[in-house]
Amino acid sequence: LLFGRVGLSTNTNGVCGDGDVKFRINLMVEGDLEGMVNLWDWNEVCDNKMKSFEIDLDDFKGEVVQIFLVVIANSDSEANFAVWDSLSIHR
């Protein structure tokens, strides 16, 4: 299982801004770029809360994989302070 939390950080003055991003987790097996798998997507706006996620990786047991953490800005806001937190893989 892949665990973690995502969210948007506040501005330096502690105020939650108008950040708007998409968090995405992709997985590639054995270096096969054509077979890239999208494991998870989450649209996030700044709300002063971290969102937890848990992704089952059992389908990839025994495979050599690469995991990609992606952030896509949904706006041109200067408050898109995306945060990945407490990422871990558990067997």
C-alpha atoms as a PDB file:
ATOM      1  CA  LEU A   1       0.000   0.000   0.000  1.00  0.00           C
ATOM      2  CA  LEU A   2       1.093   3.520  -0.822  1.00  0.00           C
ATOM      3  CA  PHE A   3       0.076   6.033   1.838  1.00  0.00           C
ATOM      4  CA  GLY A   4       0.387   9.790   2.041  1.00  0.00           C
ATOM      5  CA  ARG A   5      -1.258  13.155   2.389  1.00  0.00           C
ATOM      6  CA  VAL A   6      -1.635  16.105   0.032  1.00  0.00           C
ATOM      7  CA  GLY A   7      -2.784  19.680   0.381  1.00  0.00           C
ATOM      8  CA  LEU A   8      -2.003  23.297  -0.248  1.00  0.00           C
ATOM      9  CA  SER A   9       0.066  25.317   2.160  1.00  0.00           C
ATOM     10  CA  THR A  10      -1.030  28.731   3.357  1.00  0.00           C
ATOM     11  CA  ASN A  11       0.616  31.952   2.265  1.00  0.00           C
ATOM     12  CA  THR A  12       3.478  33.288   4.379  1.00  0.00           C
ATOM     13  CA  ASN A  13       0.972  35.383   6.327  1.00  0.00           C
ATOM     14  CA  GLY A  14      -0.976  32.231   7.303  1.00  0.00           C
ATOM     15  CA  VAL A  15      -3.931  32.977   5.042  1.00  0.00           C
ATOM     16  CA  CYS A  16      -5.199  30.259   2.737  1.00  0.00           C
ATOM     17  CA  GLY A  17      -4.939  31.616  -0.793  1.00  0.00           C
ATOM     18  CA  ASP A  18      -6.708  30.821  -4.010  1.00  0.00           C
ATOM     19  CA  GLY A  19      -4.535  27.826  -4.904  1.00  0.00           C
ATOM     20  CA  ASP A  20      -6.062  25.228  -7.229  1.00  0.00           C
ATOM     21  CA  VAL A  21      -4.074  22.171  -8.342  1.00  0.00           C
ATOM     22  CA  LYS A  22      -4.461  18.554  -9.381  1.00  0.00           C
ATOM     23  CA  PHE A  23      -2.345  15.958  -7.587  1.00  0.00           C
ATOM     24  CA  ARG A  24      -1.630  12.845  -9.633  1.00  0.00           C
ATOM     25  CA  ILE A  25       0.242   9.600  -8.993  1.00  0.00           C
ATOM     26  CA  ASN A  26       1.420   7.618 -12.014  1.00  0.00           C
ATOM     27  CA  LEU A  27       3.193   4.272 -12.091  1.00  0.00           C
ATOM     28  CA  MET A  28       5.449   2.816 -14.771  1.00  0.00           C
ATOM     29  CA  VAL A  29       6.263  -0.913 -14.875  1.00  0.00           C
ATOM     30  CA  GLU A  30       9.675  -2.105 -16.112  1.00  0.00           C
ATOM     31  CA  GLY A  31      10.443   1.256 -17.756  1.00  0.00           C
ATOM     32  CA  ASP A  32       7.509   0.917 -20.202  1.00  0.00           C
ATOM     33  CA  LEU A  33       6.565   4.549 -20.825  1.00  0.00           C
ATOM     34  CA  GLU A  34       3.723   3.500 -23.160  1.00  0.00           C
ATOM     35  CA  GLY A  35       2.177   1.463 -20.329  1.00  0.00           C
ATOM     36  CA  MET A  36       2.142   4.294 -17.765  1.00  0.00           C
ATOM     37  CA  VAL A  37      -0.735   3.780 -15.319  1.00  0.00           C
ATOM     38  CA  ASN A  38      -2.608   6.611 -13.599  1.00  0.00           C
ATOM     39  CA  LEU A  39      -3.165   5.364 -10.036  1.00  0.00           C
ATOM     40  CA  TRP A  40      -4.788   8.410  -8.477  1.00  0.00           C
ATOM     41  CA  ASP A  41      -6.017  11.956  -9.162  1.00  0.00           C
ATOM     42  CA  TRP A  42      -7.181  14.593  -6.704  1.00  0.00           C
ATOM     43  CA  ASN A  43      -8.281  18.169  -7.381  1.00  0.00           C
ATOM     44  CA  GLU A  44      -7.405  20.399  -4.443  1.00  0.00           C
ATOM     45  CA  VAL A  45      -8.272  23.981  -3.566  1.00  0.00           C
ATOM     46  CA  CYS A  46      -6.823  25.731  -0.557  1.00  0.00           C
ATOM     47  CA  ASP A  47      -8.928  24.831   2.507  1.00  0.00           C
ATOM     48  CA  ASN A  48      -6.306  24.526   5.291  1.00  0.00           C
ATOM     49  CA  LYS A  49      -6.728  20.720   5.366  1.00  0.00           C
ATOM     50  CA  MET A  50      -4.510  17.840   4.272  1.00  0.00           C
ATOM     51  CA  LYS A  51      -6.195  14.948   2.439  1.00  0.00           C
ATOM     52  CA  SER A  52      -5.059  11.380   3.131  1.00  0.00           C
ATOM     53  CA  PHE A  53      -4.836   8.720   0.443  1.00  0.00           C
ATOM     54  CA  GLU A  54      -4.188   4.978   0.357  1.00  0.00           C
ATOM     55  CA  ILE A  55      -3.466   3.122  -2.892  1.00  0.00           C
ATOM     56  CA  ASP A  56      -3.400  -0.666  -3.215  1.00  0.00           C
ATOM     57  CA  LEU A  57      -0.283  -1.768  -5.120  1.00  0.00           C
ATOM     58  CA  ASP A  58      -0.969  -5.537  -4.975  1.00  0.00           C
ATOM     59  CA  ASP A  59      -1.436  -5.717  -8.763  1.00  0.00           C
ATOM     60  CA  PHE A  60       2.252  -4.786  -9.147  1.00  0.00           C
ATOM     61  CA  LYS A  61       3.742  -7.237  -6.623  1.00  0.00           C
ATOM     62  CA  GLY A  62       7.101  -8.555  -7.846  1.00  0.00           C
ATOM     63  CA  GLU A  63       7.355  -5.937 -10.599  1.00  0.00           C
ATOM     64  CA  VAL A  64      10.042  -3.286 -10.932  1.00  0.00           C
ATOM     65  CA  VAL A  65       8.122  -0.014 -10.888  1.00  0.00           C
ATOM     66  CA  GLN A  66       8.700   3.720 -10.813  1.00  0.00           C
ATOM     67  CA  ILE A  67       6.190   5.992  -9.103  1.00  0.00           C
ATOM     68  CA  PHE A  68       5.728   9.569 -10.331  1.00  0.00           C
ATOM     69  CA  LEU A  69       4.280  12.306  -8.128  1.00  0.00           C
ATOM     70  CA  VAL A  70       2.778  15.007 -10.321  1.00  0.00           C
ATOM     71  CA  VAL A  71       1.235  18.406  -9.565  1.00  0.00           C
ATOM     72  CA  ILE A  72      -0.670  20.234 -12.298  1.00  0.00           C
ATOM     73  CA  ALA A  73      -1.715  23.848 -11.743  1.00  0.00           C
ATOM     74  CA  ASN A  74      -5.413  24.383 -12.498  1.00  0.00           C
ATOM     75  CA  SER A  75      -4.913  28.150 -12.304  1.00  0.00           C
ATOM     76  CA  ASP A  76      -2.130  30.679 -12.681  1.00  0.00           C
ATOM     77  CA  SER A  77      -2.422  31.603  -9.003  1.00  0.00           C
ATOM     78  CA  GLU A  78       0.778  32.444  -7.171  1.00  0.00           C
ATOM     79  CA  ALA A  79      -0.756  30.571  -4.189  1.00  0.00           C
ATOM     80  CA  ASN A  80      -0.375  27.097  -5.726  1.00  0.00           C
ATOM     81  CA  PHE A  81       1.800  25.910  -2.810  1.00  0.00           C
ATOM     82  CA  ALA A  82       1.331  22.153  -3.322  1.00  0.00           C
ATOM     83  CA  VAL A  83       2.492  19.844  -0.509  1.00  0.00           C
ATOM     84  CA  TRP A  84       3.111  16.068  -0.477  1.00  0.00           C
ATOM     85  CA  ASP A  85       3.412  14.750   3.081  1.00  0.00           C
ATOM     86  CA  SER A  86       4.173  11.477   4.903  1.00  0.00           C
ATOM     87  CA  LEU A  87       4.629   9.349   1.792  1.00  0.00           C
ATOM     88  CA  SER A  88       5.369   5.687   2.513  1.00  0.00           C
ATOM     89  CA  ILE A  89       4.944   2.200   1.062  1.00  0.00           C
ATOM     90  CA  HIS A  90       3.884  -0.654   3.347  1.00  0.00           C
ATOM     91  CA  ARG A  91       3.822  -4.370   2.566  1.00  0.00           C
END
